[in-house]
Amino acid sequence: MGPSPTSPDKKFSEVIEPVHCLAWPDLYCHTLNGLQPDSYYEVTVQPRNSEVNDYGPGKSVTDITKESAPGAPTSLEVVNRTQTGMLIQWGPPWFISGVLRSFILNVEETDSSNSSNCCQYFPIQELPIQTEQQLYRLDVGGLKPSSTFTFSISAKTVTLGPSLNISASTPPEPPTLVHPPRLLSRFDDEPIKVLIKPEGSYPGLRSTYLLLVLTPDDNDQKAEFWDWELQAQIEQLVNANFYAVAEFPSSTFTQEKSLVLGTGTIRRNGTYSPLENRVFLPGSYRAGLALILDYCGATSVGLAVGDSFTV
């Protein structure tokens, strides 16, 4: 941003040859280039005779240059999102070139998991600015689940500057699971075996089942997910320590299957987290089945938890 009208500019001088104005032949004219927009300047003209090594008395005039278009906003990002809204954040332009009066926001839906229901229209919004801030935030609501949106934000002085764009997707609606892992009957010396069943169909979404083991409260075994947002969702649903045993893409998990828990298999990396069928320590456990719906990296989770069992 250039100097404000109330702040003094740096001093500079130049020697020019007298040139008569085309429109006013009895006057002299000169154009000053490279000035900052929306800035206060005092221009002093002093005559000088080439035969005398000194300047004569000067005359001064003051004025303010006109505003111009600002630069693009900075650091546009999505800081939070739900199925129907996103919280976006951005910074002011590096060069405002005047008085920042407003931001212009354009929201466009560009894709959806349901192509027959794309794309909704959003009117352009003008966001008045009361005071300049380091960061601005806006909660954009009325969005559809599992859809992709492009946000374009521009700054405005007396005219509109270039835009800064970002695209992001809303997560799908959380699925509802009605069949928790069922503990198969066993004798005390037999391994723990559970039966799990797939549920529903979710076209346009990547869907993955995770078999979880919920551990005792005093057990320090905790899950590690590559995506902290996904981990936070599952932790909120589980409300206990847990780890992932196995994962099953819905494309291959089409009928019920049984699995033995506590076998001590080698840890390996899954799509969303490490997978390990850990040997049980003495205590009370539960098995849970999570269904992760993924649309362009935006996830939602459903969970069903079975009855407890003791080792």
C-alpha atoms as a PDB file:
ATOM      1  CA  MET A   1       0.000   0.000   0.000  1.00  0.00           C
ATOM      2  CA  GLY A   2       1.276   3.433  -0.855  1.00  0.00           C
ATOM      3  CA  PRO A   3       1.720   6.261   1.660  1.00  0.00           C
ATOM      4  CA  SER A   4      -1.521   7.516   3.170  1.00  0.00           C
ATOM      5  CA  PRO A   5      -2.735  11.043   2.373  1.00  0.00           C
ATOM      6  CA  THR A   6      -1.750  12.174   5.881  1.00  0.00           C
ATOM      7  CA  SER A   7       1.804  10.850   5.843  1.00  0.00           C
ATOM      8  CA  PRO A   8       4.740  12.656   4.194  1.00  0.00           C
ATOM      9  CA  ASP A   9       6.253  11.073   1.117  1.00  0.00           C
ATOM     10  CA  LYS A  10       9.969  10.758   0.498  1.00  0.00           C
ATOM     11  CA  LYS A  11      11.565  13.787  -1.109  1.00  0.00           C
ATOM     12  CA  PHE A  12      12.951  13.642  -4.620  1.00  0.00           C
ATOM     13  CA  SER A  13      13.945  16.268  -7.173  1.00  0.00           C
ATOM     14  CA  GLU A  14      14.712  16.528 -10.872  1.00  0.00           C
ATOM     15  CA  VAL A  15      15.962  19.195 -13.228  1.00  0.00           C
ATOM     16  CA  ILE A  16      13.759  19.717 -16.291  1.00  0.00           C
ATOM     17  CA  GLU A  17      13.910  21.851 -19.382  1.00  0.00           C
ATOM     18  CA  PRO A  18      11.025  24.322 -19.737  1.00  0.00           C
ATOM     19  CA  VAL A  19       8.399  23.011 -22.175  1.00  0.00           C
ATOM     20  CA  HIS A  20       5.332  25.053 -23.088  1.00  0.00           C
ATOM     21  CA  CYS A  21       1.931  23.439 -22.587  1.00  0.00           C
ATOM     22  CA  LEU A  22       0.161  22.524 -25.811  1.00  0.00           C
ATOM     23  CA  ALA A  23      -3.187  23.717 -24.501  1.00  0.00           C
ATOM     24  CA  TRP A  24      -1.817  26.825 -22.782  1.00  0.00           C
ATOM     25  CA  PRO A  25       1.163  28.137 -24.780  1.00  0.00           C
ATOM     26  CA  ASP A  26       1.964  30.860 -22.255  1.00  0.00           C
ATOM     27  CA  LEU A  27       2.421  28.247 -19.456  1.00  0.00           C
ATOM     28  CA  TYR A  28       4.912  25.436 -18.848  1.00  0.00           C
ATOM     29  CA  CYS A  29       3.881  21.802 -18.270  1.00  0.00           C
ATOM     30  CA  HIS A  30       5.579  18.655 -16.929  1.00  0.00           C
ATOM     31  CA  THR A  31       4.225  15.220 -16.033  1.00  0.00           C
ATOM     32  CA  LEU A  32       5.429  13.478 -12.852  1.00  0.00           C
ATOM     33  CA  ASN A  33       5.480   9.685 -13.271  1.00  0.00           C
ATOM     34  CA  GLY A  34       5.929   6.838 -10.806  1.00  0.00           C
ATOM     35  CA  LEU A  35       3.851   8.304  -7.988  1.00  0.00           C
ATOM     36  CA  GLN A  36       1.932   6.144  -5.533  1.00  0.00           C
ATOM     37  CA  PRO A  37      -1.871   6.040  -5.775  1.00  0.00           C
ATOM     38  CA  ASP A  38      -3.962   7.619  -3.005  1.00  0.00           C
ATOM     39  CA  SER A  39      -0.916   9.525  -1.700  1.00  0.00           C
ATOM     40  CA  TYR A  40      -0.285  13.100  -0.589  1.00  0.00           C
ATOM     41  CA  TYR A  41       2.309  15.075  -2.563  1.00  0.00           C
ATOM     42  CA  GLU A  42       3.660  18.601  -2.339  1.00  0.00           C
ATOM     43  CA  VAL A  43       5.276  19.792  -5.583  1.00  0.00           C
ATOM     44  CA  THR A  44       7.571  22.817  -5.503  1.00  0.00           C
ATOM     45  CA  VAL A  45       8.825  24.518  -8.685  1.00  0.00           C
ATOM     46  CA  GLN A  46      11.875  26.783  -8.542  1.00  0.00           C
ATOM     47  CA  PRO A  47      13.323  28.678 -11.516  1.00  0.00           C
ATOM     48  CA  ARG A  48      17.011  28.584 -12.260  1.00  0.00           C
ATOM     49  CA  ASN A  49      19.232  30.518 -14.644  1.00  0.00           C
ATOM     50  CA  SER A  50      22.028  28.440 -16.121  1.00  0.00           C
ATOM     51  CA  GLU A  51      24.367  31.350 -15.654  1.00  0.00           C
ATOM     52  CA  VAL A  52      23.710  31.592 -11.906  1.00  0.00           C
ATOM     53  CA  ASN A  53      24.559  28.745  -9.525  1.00  0.00           C
ATOM     54  CA  ASP A  54      21.403  29.139  -7.406  1.00  0.00           C
ATOM     55  CA  TYR A  55      17.608  28.735  -7.517  1.00  0.00           C
ATOM     56  CA  GLY A  56      15.065  31.468  -7.343  1.00  0.00           C
ATOM     57  CA  PRO A  57      12.101  31.518  -4.933  1.00  0.00           C
ATOM     58  CA  GLY A  58       9.669  28.616  -5.518  1.00  0.00           C
ATOM     59  CA  LYS A  59       5.933  28.092  -5.625  1.00  0.00           C
ATOM     60  CA  SER A  60       4.270  24.957  -4.192  1.00  0.00           C
ATOM     61  CA  VAL A  61       1.060  23.073  -4.791  1.00  0.00           C
ATOM     62  CA  THR A  62      -0.321  20.062  -2.899  1.00  0.00           C
ATOM     63  CA  ASP A  63      -2.655  17.308  -4.051  1.00  0.00           C
ATOM     64  CA  ILE A  64      -3.578  13.660  -3.570  1.00  0.00           C
ATOM     65  CA  THR A  65      -3.175  11.104  -6.331  1.00  0.00           C
ATOM     66  CA  LYS A  66      -6.203   9.059  -7.285  1.00  0.00           C
ATOM     67  CA  GLU A  67      -6.875   5.548  -5.971  1.00  0.00           C
ATOM     68  CA  SER A  68      -6.341   2.560  -8.233  1.00  0.00           C
ATOM     69  CA  ALA A  69      -7.185  -1.129  -8.231  1.00  0.00           C
ATOM     70  CA  PRO A  70      -5.795  -3.128  -5.274  1.00  0.00           C
ATOM     71  CA  GLY A  71      -3.829  -6.337  -5.540  1.00  0.00           C
ATOM     72  CA  ALA A  72      -5.353  -9.759  -4.960  1.00  0.00           C
ATOM     73  CA  PRO A  73      -6.188 -10.852  -1.391  1.00  0.00           C
ATOM     74  CA  THR A  74      -3.659 -13.147   0.289  1.00  0.00           C
ATOM     75  CA  SER A  75      -3.613 -16.492   2.107  1.00  0.00           C
ATOM     76  CA  LEU A  76      -7.094 -17.727   1.196  1.00  0.00           C
ATOM     77  CA  GLU A  77      -7.842 -21.031   2.953  1.00  0.00           C
ATOM     78  CA  VAL A  78     -10.621 -23.180   4.383  1.00  0.00           C
ATOM     79  CA  VAL A  79     -10.188 -23.449   8.154  1.00  0.00           C
ATOM     80  CA  ASN A  80     -13.245 -25.561   8.948  1.00  0.00           C
ATOM     81  CA  ARG A  81     -15.946 -27.400   7.046  1.00  0.00           C
ATOM     82  CA  THR A  82     -19.145 -29.300   7.654  1.00  0.00           C
ATOM     83  CA  GLN A  83     -21.594 -31.078   5.373  1.00  0.00           C
ATOM     84  CA  THR A  84     -23.372 -27.794   4.622  1.00  0.00           C
ATOM     85  CA  GLY A  85     -20.852 -25.020   5.232  1.00  0.00           C
ATOM     86  CA  MET A  86     -17.239 -23.871   5.184  1.00  0.00           C
ATOM     87  CA  LEU A  87     -15.372 -21.283   7.212  1.00  0.00           C
ATOM     88  CA  ILE A  88     -12.973 -19.436   4.892  1.00  0.00           C
ATOM     89  CA  GLN A  89     -10.173 -17.066   5.876  1.00  0.00           C
ATOM     90  CA  TRP A  90      -8.036 -14.615   3.901  1.00  0.00           C
ATOM     91  CA  GLY A  91      -5.701 -11.664   4.328  1.00  0.00           C
ATOM     92  CA  PRO A  92      -5.730  -8.176   2.736  1.00  0.00           C
ATOM     93  CA  PRO A  93      -3.772  -7.439  -0.458  1.00  0.00           C
ATOM     94  CA  TRP A  94      -0.118  -6.549  -0.174  1.00  0.00           C
ATOM     95  CA  PHE A  95      -0.873  -3.393  -2.190  1.00  0.00           C
ATOM     96  CA  ILE A  96      -4.222  -1.755  -1.461  1.00  0.00           C
ATOM     97  CA  SER A  97      -3.598   1.413  -3.537  1.00  0.00           C
ATOM     98  CA  GLY A  98      -6.339   3.364  -1.810  1.00  0.00           C
ATOM     99  CA  VAL A  99      -9.037   2.890   0.804  1.00  0.00           C
ATOM    100  CA  LEU A 100     -10.123  -0.739   1.177  1.00  0.00           C
ATOM    101  CA  ARG A 101     -13.911  -0.534   0.959  1.00  0.00           C
ATOM    102  CA  SER A 102     -15.094  -4.125   0.515  1.00  0.00           C
ATOM    103  CA  PHE A 103     -14.387  -7.657  -0.660  1.00  0.00           C
ATOM    104  CA  ILE A 104     -16.325  -9.347  -3.443  1.00  0.00           C
ATOM    105  CA  LEU A 105     -16.973 -13.078  -2.947  1.00  0.00           C
ATOM    106  CA  ASN A 106     -18.109 -15.447  -5.672  1.00  0.00           C
ATOM    107  CA  VAL A 107     -19.060 -19.031  -4.742  1.00  0.00           C
ATOM    108  CA  GLU A 108     -19.500 -21.650  -7.453  1.00  0.00           C
ATOM    109  CA  GLU A 109     -20.364 -25.328  -7.152  1.00  0.00           C
ATOM    110  CA  THR A 110     -18.207 -27.144  -9.693  1.00  0.00           C
ATOM    111  CA  ASP A 111     -18.784 -30.840  -8.989  1.00  0.00           C
ATOM    112  CA  SER A 112     -20.830 -33.249  -6.902  1.00  0.00           C
ATOM    113  CA  SER A 113     -21.033 -36.932  -6.051  1.00  0.00           C
ATOM    114  CA  ASN A 114     -24.542 -36.719  -7.503  1.00  0.00           C
ATOM    115  CA  SER A 115     -23.953 -35.252 -10.966  1.00  0.00           C
ATOM    116  CA  SER A 116     -27.700 -34.988 -11.647  1.00  0.00           C
ATOM    117  CA  ASN A 117     -27.981 -32.570  -8.697  1.00  0.00           C
ATOM    118  CA  CYS A 118     -25.123 -30.247  -9.688  1.00  0.00           C
ATOM    119  CA  CYS A 119     -24.706 -27.342  -9.631  1.00  0.00           C
ATOM    120  CA  GLN A 120     -26.440 -24.826  -7.365  1.00  0.00           C
ATOM    121  CA  TYR A 121     -26.295 -21.060  -7.983  1.00  0.00           C
ATOM    122  CA  PHE A 122     -24.920 -18.522  -5.484  1.00  0.00           C
ATOM    123  CA  PRO A 123     -25.344 -14.745  -5.866  1.00  0.00           C
ATOM    124  CA  ILE A 124     -22.204 -12.630  -5.722  1.00  0.00           C
ATOM    125  CA  GLN A 125     -21.670 -11.136  -2.260  1.00  0.00           C
ATOM    126  CA  GLU A 126     -20.134  -7.753  -1.430  1.00  0.00           C
ATOM    127  CA  LEU A 127     -18.649  -7.699   2.070  1.00  0.00           C
ATOM    128  CA  PRO A 128     -18.220  -4.110   3.363  1.00  0.00           C
ATOM    129  CA  ILE A 129     -15.046  -3.373   5.329  1.00  0.00           C
ATOM    130  CA  GLN A 130     -15.326  -1.261   8.467  1.00  0.00           C
ATOM    131  CA  THR A 131     -11.662  -1.467   9.497  1.00  0.00           C
ATOM    132  CA  GLU A 132      -8.578  -3.034   7.946  1.00  0.00           C
ATOM    133  CA  GLN A 133      -7.577  -6.297   9.657  1.00  0.00           C
ATOM    134  CA  GLN A 134      -4.773  -8.822   9.375  1.00  0.00           C
ATOM    135  CA  LEU A 135      -7.259 -11.643   8.677  1.00  0.00           C
ATOM    136  CA  TYR A 136     -10.876 -11.829   7.609  1.00  0.00           C
ATOM    137  CA  ARG A 137     -13.230 -14.764   8.152  1.00  0.00           C
ATOM    138  CA  LEU A 138     -16.594 -15.689   6.683  1.00  0.00           C
ATOM    139  CA  ASP A 139     -18.858 -18.659   7.362  1.00  0.00           C
ATOM    140  CA  VAL A 140     -20.333 -19.707   4.004  1.00  0.00           C
ATOM    141  CA  GLY A 141     -23.515 -21.722   4.537  1.00  0.00           C
ATOM    142  CA  GLY A 142     -26.178 -23.298   2.378  1.00  0.00           C
ATOM    143  CA  LEU A 143     -23.786 -25.755   0.735  1.00  0.00           C
ATOM    144  CA  LYS A 144     -24.589 -29.322  -0.277  1.00  0.00           C
ATOM    145  CA  PRO A 145     -22.855 -32.402   1.147  1.00  0.00           C
ATOM    146  CA  SER A 146     -20.235 -34.240  -0.955  1.00  0.00           C
ATOM    147  CA  SER A 147     -19.829 -31.386  -3.434  1.00  0.00           C
ATOM    148  CA  THR A 148     -16.899 -29.277  -4.627  1.00  0.00           C
ATOM    149  CA  PHE A 149     -16.978 -25.487  -4.466  1.00  0.00           C
ATOM    150  CA  THR A 150     -14.684 -22.749  -5.769  1.00  0.00           C
ATOM    151  CA  PHE A 151     -14.354 -19.565  -3.740  1.00  0.00           C
ATOM    152  CA  SER A 152     -13.105 -16.413  -5.504  1.00  0.00           C
ATOM    153  CA  ILE A 153     -12.356 -13.341  -3.385  1.00  0.00           C
ATOM    154  CA  SER A 154     -11.391  -9.881  -4.696  1.00  0.00           C
ATOM    155  CA  ALA A 155     -10.601  -6.610  -2.918  1.00  0.00           C
ATOM    156  CA  LYS A 156     -12.236  -3.334  -3.905  1.00  0.00           C
ATOM    157  CA  THR A 157     -11.201   0.315  -3.525  1.00  0.00           C
ATOM    158  CA  VAL A 158     -12.764   2.602  -6.126  1.00  0.00           C
ATOM    159  CA  THR A 159     -12.384  -0.290  -8.515  1.00  0.00           C
ATOM    160  CA  LEU A 160     -12.102  -4.069  -8.309  1.00  0.00           C
ATOM    161  CA  GLY A 161      -8.763  -5.871  -8.136  1.00  0.00           C
ATOM    162  CA  PRO A 162      -7.814  -9.399  -9.277  1.00  0.00           C
ATOM    163  CA  SER A 163      -9.216 -12.419  -7.469  1.00  0.00           C
ATOM    164  CA  LEU A 164      -7.671 -15.200  -5.409  1.00  0.00           C
ATOM    165  CA  ASN A 165      -9.302 -18.623  -5.767  1.00  0.00           C
ATOM    166  CA  ILE A 166      -9.470 -21.862  -3.804  1.00  0.00           C
ATOM    167  CA  SER A 167     -11.472 -25.071  -4.291  1.00  0.00           C
ATOM    168  CA  ALA A 168     -12.630 -27.349  -1.480  1.00  0.00           C
ATOM    169  CA  SER A 169     -15.158 -30.122  -0.941  1.00  0.00           C
ATOM    170  CA  THR A 170     -17.828 -30.708   1.681  1.00  0.00           C
ATOM    171  CA  PRO A 171     -17.909 -34.110   3.405  1.00  0.00           C
ATOM    172  CA  PRO A 172     -20.772 -36.541   2.770  1.00  0.00           C
ATOM    173  CA  GLU A 173     -23.634 -37.017   5.178  1.00  0.00           C
ATOM    174  CA  PRO A 174     -22.509 -39.415   7.945  1.00  0.00           C
ATOM    175  CA  PRO A 175     -23.694 -42.980   7.303  1.00  0.00           C
ATOM    176  CA  THR A 176     -25.857 -44.869   9.790  1.00  0.00           C
ATOM    177  CA  LEU A 177     -24.731 -48.386  10.760  1.00  0.00           C
ATOM    178  CA  VAL A 178     -27.229 -50.749  12.353  1.00  0.00           C
ATOM    179  CA  HIS A 179     -25.135 -53.931  12.513  1.00  0.00           C
ATOM    180  CA  PRO A 180     -22.299 -53.769  15.067  1.00  0.00           C
ATOM    181  CA  PRO A 181     -19.662 -56.514  15.131  1.00  0.00           C
ATOM    182  CA  ARG A 182     -21.223 -59.583  16.709  1.00  0.00           C
ATOM    183  CA  LEU A 183     -19.157 -61.719  19.084  1.00  0.00           C
ATOM    184  CA  LEU A 184     -19.391 -65.368  18.091  1.00  0.00           C
ATOM    185  CA  SER A 185     -19.934 -67.822  20.919  1.00  0.00           C
ATOM    186  CA  ARG A 186     -16.727 -69.390  22.265  1.00  0.00           C
ATOM    187  CA  PHE A 187     -15.220 -71.337  25.114  1.00  0.00           C
ATOM    188  CA  ASP A 188     -12.758 -69.622  27.433  1.00  0.00           C
ATOM    189  CA  ASP A 189      -9.693 -71.078  25.742  1.00  0.00           C
ATOM    190  CA  GLU A 190     -10.816 -70.224  22.190  1.00  0.00           C
ATOM    191  CA  PRO A 191      -9.737 -67.081  20.266  1.00  0.00           C
ATOM    192  CA  ILE A 192     -12.009 -64.044  20.035  1.00  0.00           C
ATOM    193  CA  LYS A 193     -13.973 -64.122  16.783  1.00  0.00           C
ATOM    194  CA  VAL A 194     -16.403 -61.469  15.519  1.00  0.00           C
ATOM    195  CA  LEU A 195     -18.852 -61.365  12.629  1.00  0.00           C
ATOM    196  CA  ILE A 196     -19.189 -58.156  10.580  1.00  0.00           C
ATOM    197  CA  LYS A 197     -21.690 -57.257   7.874  1.00  0.00           C
ATOM    198  CA  PRO A 198     -21.567 -54.597   5.103  1.00  0.00           C
ATOM    199  CA  GLU A 199     -24.309 -51.979   4.996  1.00  0.00           C
ATOM    200  CA  GLY A 200     -25.760 -49.768   2.270  1.00  0.00           C
ATOM    201  CA  SER A 201     -24.478 -48.475  -1.047  1.00  0.00           C
ATOM    202  CA  TYR A 202     -22.903 -45.069  -1.601  1.00  0.00           C
ATOM    203  CA  PRO A 203     -22.477 -44.259  -5.315  1.00  0.00           C
ATOM    204  CA  GLY A 204     -20.021 -41.507  -6.161  1.00  0.00           C
ATOM    205  CA  LEU A 205     -18.143 -41.936  -2.865  1.00  0.00           C
ATOM    206  CA  ARG A 206     -15.162 -43.985  -1.795  1.00  0.00           C
ATOM    207  CA  SER A 207     -16.345 -46.072   1.137  1.00  0.00           C
ATOM    208  CA  THR A 208     -14.111 -48.081   3.445  1.00  0.00           C
ATOM    209  CA  TYR A 209     -14.896 -50.167   6.531  1.00  0.00           C
ATOM    210  CA  LEU A 210     -12.536 -50.179   9.502  1.00  0.00           C
ATOM    211  CA  LEU A 211     -12.673 -52.863  12.173  1.00  0.00           C
ATOM    212  CA  LEU A 212     -11.728 -51.267  15.493  1.00  0.00           C
ATOM    213  CA  VAL A 213     -10.904 -52.600  18.935  1.00  0.00           C
ATOM    214  CA  LEU A 214     -11.886 -50.360  21.853  1.00  0.00           C
ATOM    215  CA  THR A 215      -9.438 -50.816  24.692  1.00  0.00           C
ATOM    216  CA  PRO A 216      -9.766 -50.362  28.487  1.00  0.00           C
ATOM    217  CA  ASP A 217      -9.627 -46.787  29.774  1.00  0.00           C
ATOM    218  CA  ASP A 218      -6.270 -47.371  31.509  1.00  0.00           C
ATOM    219  CA  ASN A 219      -4.727 -48.834  28.345  1.00  0.00           C
ATOM    220  CA  ASP A 220      -2.348 -46.460  26.525  1.00  0.00           C
ATOM    221  CA  GLN A 221      -2.851 -48.052  23.094  1.00  0.00           C
ATOM    222  CA  LYS A 222      -4.095 -45.259  20.824  1.00  0.00           C
ATOM    223  CA  ALA A 223      -4.970 -45.006  17.156  1.00  0.00           C
ATOM    224  CA  GLU A 224      -2.868 -43.007  14.718  1.00  0.00           C
ATOM    225  CA  PHE A 225      -4.570 -41.667  11.608  1.00  0.00           C
ATOM    226  CA  TRP A 226      -2.928 -39.906   8.682  1.00  0.00           C
ATOM    227  CA  ASP A 227      -5.757 -37.343   8.622  1.00  0.00           C
ATOM    228  CA  TRP A 228      -6.268 -35.466  11.907  1.00  0.00           C
ATOM    229  CA  GLU A 229      -9.804 -34.411  10.924  1.00  0.00           C
ATOM    230  CA  LEU A 230     -10.792 -38.046  10.393  1.00  0.00           C
ATOM    231  CA  GLN A 231      -9.148 -39.081  13.662  1.00  0.00           C
ATOM    232  CA  ALA A 232     -11.035 -36.359  15.518  1.00  0.00           C
ATOM    233  CA  GLN A 233     -14.336 -37.572  14.056  1.00  0.00           C
ATOM    234  CA  ILE A 234     -13.736 -41.190  15.071  1.00  0.00           C
ATOM    235  CA  GLU A 235     -12.441 -40.253  18.534  1.00  0.00           C
ATOM    236  CA  GLN A 236     -15.616 -38.252  19.140  1.00  0.00           C
ATOM    237  CA  LEU A 237     -17.780 -41.227  18.148  1.00  0.00           C
ATOM    238  CA  VAL A 238     -15.756 -43.859  20.029  1.00  0.00           C
ATOM    239  CA  ASN A 239     -15.053 -41.825  23.180  1.00  0.00           C
ATOM    240  CA  ALA A 240     -12.400 -44.365  24.250  1.00  0.00           C
ATOM    241  CA  ASN A 241      -8.919 -45.543  23.346  1.00  0.00           C
ATOM    242  CA  PHE A 242      -8.963 -47.693  20.230  1.00  0.00           C
ATOM    243  CA  TYR A 243      -6.864 -49.053  17.366  1.00  0.00           C
ATOM    244  CA  ALA A 244      -7.623 -50.290  13.855  1.00  0.00           C
ATOM    245  CA  VAL A 245      -7.335 -54.007  13.128  1.00  0.00           C
ATOM    246  CA  ALA A 246      -8.334 -54.303   9.466  1.00  0.00           C
ATOM    247  CA  GLU A 247      -9.914 -52.360   6.626  1.00  0.00           C
ATOM    248  CA  PHE A 248     -12.255 -53.461   3.865  1.00  0.00           C
ATOM    249  CA  PRO A 249     -13.101 -51.405   0.760  1.00  0.00           C
ATOM    250  CA  SER A 250     -16.825 -51.638   0.121  1.00  0.00           C
ATOM    251  CA  SER A 251     -16.133 -52.852  -3.422  1.00  0.00           C
ATOM    252  CA  THR A 252     -14.761 -56.106  -2.006  1.00  0.00           C
ATOM    253  CA  PHE A 253     -16.739 -56.272   1.236  1.00  0.00           C
ATOM    254  CA  THR A 254     -20.074 -57.445  -0.141  1.00  0.00           C
ATOM    255  CA  GLN A 255     -21.090 -60.136   2.331  1.00  0.00           C
ATOM    256  CA  GLU A 256     -20.643 -60.882   6.003  1.00  0.00           C
ATOM    257  CA  LYS A 257     -17.336 -62.291   7.217  1.00  0.00           C
ATOM    258  CA  SER A 258     -15.767 -63.420  10.480  1.00  0.00           C
ATOM    259  CA  LEU A 259     -12.380 -62.383  11.843  1.00  0.00           C
ATOM    260  CA  VAL A 260     -10.223 -63.569  14.713  1.00  0.00           C
ATOM    261  CA  LEU A 261      -8.973 -60.804  17.014  1.00  0.00           C
ATOM    262  CA  GLY A 262      -5.789 -60.735  19.096  1.00  0.00           C
ATOM    263  CA  THR A 263      -3.637 -62.785  16.708  1.00  0.00           C
ATOM    264  CA  GLY A 264      -0.615 -60.480  16.959  1.00  0.00           C
ATOM    265  CA  THR A 265      -0.159 -59.924  13.212  1.00  0.00           C
ATOM    266  CA  ILE A 266       2.577 -57.581  11.994  1.00  0.00           C
ATOM    267  CA  ARG A 267       1.699 -53.906  11.853  1.00  0.00           C
ATOM    268  CA  ARG A 268       1.065 -52.567   8.343  1.00  0.00           C
ATOM    269  CA  ASN A 269      -0.136 -49.314   6.821  1.00  0.00           C
ATOM    270  CA  GLY A 270      -3.747 -49.004   5.704  1.00  0.00           C
ATOM    271  CA  THR A 271      -5.446 -46.296   3.683  1.00  0.00           C
ATOM    272  CA  TYR A 272      -6.254 -44.132   6.702  1.00  0.00           C
ATOM    273  CA  SER A 273      -4.218 -45.538   9.600  1.00  0.00           C
ATOM    274  CA  PRO A 274      -1.808 -48.278  10.671  1.00  0.00           C
ATOM    275  CA  LEU A 275      -3.456 -51.695  10.989  1.00  0.00           C
ATOM    276  CA  GLU A 276      -2.437 -54.176  13.675  1.00  0.00           C
ATOM    277  CA  ASN A 277      -4.241 -57.130  15.215  1.00  0.00           C
ATOM    278  CA  ARG A 278      -2.569 -56.729  18.605  1.00  0.00           C
ATOM    279  CA  VAL A 279      -2.321 -59.460  21.217  1.00  0.00           C
ATOM    280  CA  PHE A 280      -4.804 -58.754  23.998  1.00  0.00           C
ATOM    281  CA  LEU A 281      -3.697 -57.790  27.468  1.00  0.00           C
ATOM    282  CA  PRO A 282      -5.996 -58.752  30.346  1.00  0.00           C
ATOM    283  CA  GLY A 283      -9.042 -56.518  30.380  1.00  0.00           C
ATOM    284  CA  SER A 284     -12.427 -55.746  28.891  1.00  0.00           C
ATOM    285  CA  TYR A 285     -12.721 -54.862  25.194  1.00  0.00           C
ATOM    286  CA  ARG A 286     -15.310 -54.097  22.535  1.00  0.00           C
ATOM    287  CA  ALA A 287     -15.195 -54.402  18.751  1.00  0.00           C
ATOM    288  CA  GLY A 288     -16.460 -51.556  16.570  1.00  0.00           C
ATOM    289  CA  LEU A 289     -17.126 -51.213  12.861  1.00  0.00           C
ATOM    290  CA  ALA A 290     -16.572 -47.787  11.309  1.00  0.00           C
ATOM    291  CA  LEU A 291     -17.665 -46.824   7.809  1.00  0.00           C
ATOM    292  CA  ILE A 292     -15.671 -43.972   6.243  1.00  0.00           C
ATOM    293  CA  LEU A 293     -17.237 -42.108   3.331  1.00  0.00           C
ATOM    294  CA  ASP A 294     -14.701 -40.107   1.328  1.00  0.00           C
ATOM    295  CA  TYR A 295     -15.467 -37.449  -1.270  1.00  0.00           C
ATOM    296  CA  CYS A 296     -12.360 -35.767  -2.689  1.00  0.00           C
ATOM    297  CA  GLY A 297     -10.566 -36.075   0.658  1.00  0.00           C
ATOM    298  CA  ALA A 298     -13.523 -34.801   2.715  1.00  0.00           C
ATOM    299  CA  THR A 299     -14.645 -37.590   5.029  1.00  0.00           C
ATOM    300  CA  SER A 300     -17.526 -38.519   7.278  1.00  0.00           C
ATOM    301  CA  VAL A 301     -17.847 -41.501   9.583  1.00  0.00           C
ATOM    302  CA  GLY A 302     -20.527 -43.817  10.948  1.00  0.00           C
ATOM    303  CA  LEU A 303     -19.879 -46.240  13.806  1.00  0.00           C
ATOM    304  CA  ALA A 304     -21.513 -49.276  15.388  1.00  0.00           C
ATOM    305  CA  VAL A 305     -20.013 -50.803  18.556  1.00  0.00           C
ATOM    306  CA  GLY A 306     -20.645 -54.357  19.744  1.00  0.00           C
ATOM    307  CA  ASP A 307     -20.929 -55.882  23.197  1.00  0.00           C
ATOM    308  CA  SER A 308     -17.945 -56.035  25.531  1.00  0.00           C
ATOM    309  CA  PHE A 309     -15.830 -59.156  26.049  1.00  0.00           C
ATOM    310  CA  THR A 310     -13.224 -59.981  28.651  1.00  0.00           C
ATOM    311  CA  VAL A 311      -9.781 -61.496  28.096  1.00  0.00           C
END
